[in-house]
Each structure stands twice: as structure tokens, then as C-alpha cells.
Amino acid sequence: MWVILGVIAIAVTFLNLYLYSAGKDYKLVMAMGLSFTALTLCAEYSMVSEWVDSEDWAALMDVVPTMEWALWFLTIVSILLNITPIILEKRSK
């Protein structure tokens, strides 16, 4: 599930940037991009929670340390890309 939500978040983020460059209203799509990023994080958390419930310590030890850095990085990139149109709009005024 997290993969599907992540792909949707990426696609909507690029749609946000495209709409801004085309001069169209991008704010709803920006909110959708940030929302799908949040849903991706929730889905990841649910997956880790299932591993804890099933006491799959090997999966936790193998995946979680690397996943933590990737999630932090991708979330920060998503936030920056989604708010870029607002920053550019404010600079041009």
C-alpha cells in the first residue's frame, strides 16, 4: 500500500509543478501532494507496526534503519517541491 501511495504522491507533486509552470491553479494539487506524502508515512508506520505485532525482529533490524533515512529525505524533498510554487510566486511579487 505504501508503494502505491508513494507513487501517487510523486505523480501529484510533479503535477503540482506542471500546473504552476503552466500558470494554472496548483494549490489543491499541492495539498493533495502533501496529503499523499502523509498517507505514505502512515502506511509505512502500519507496516512496521505489523512487524512488531508478529515479532519479526529480523525485518525490523534489516529494513527500519535504512527506511528511516529514506523516509526523512523523501518527506523533506516532497515538502520542498510542493511549496516551491508558493515560494516562487512570493519572490516574483
Foldseek 3Di string as FASTA:
>chain_A
DLVVLVVVLVVLLVVLVVCLVVVHDRVVSLVVSLVSLVVSVVVVVVVVVVCVVVVVVVCCVVPVVVVVVVSVVVNVVSNCSSCVSVVVVVVVD
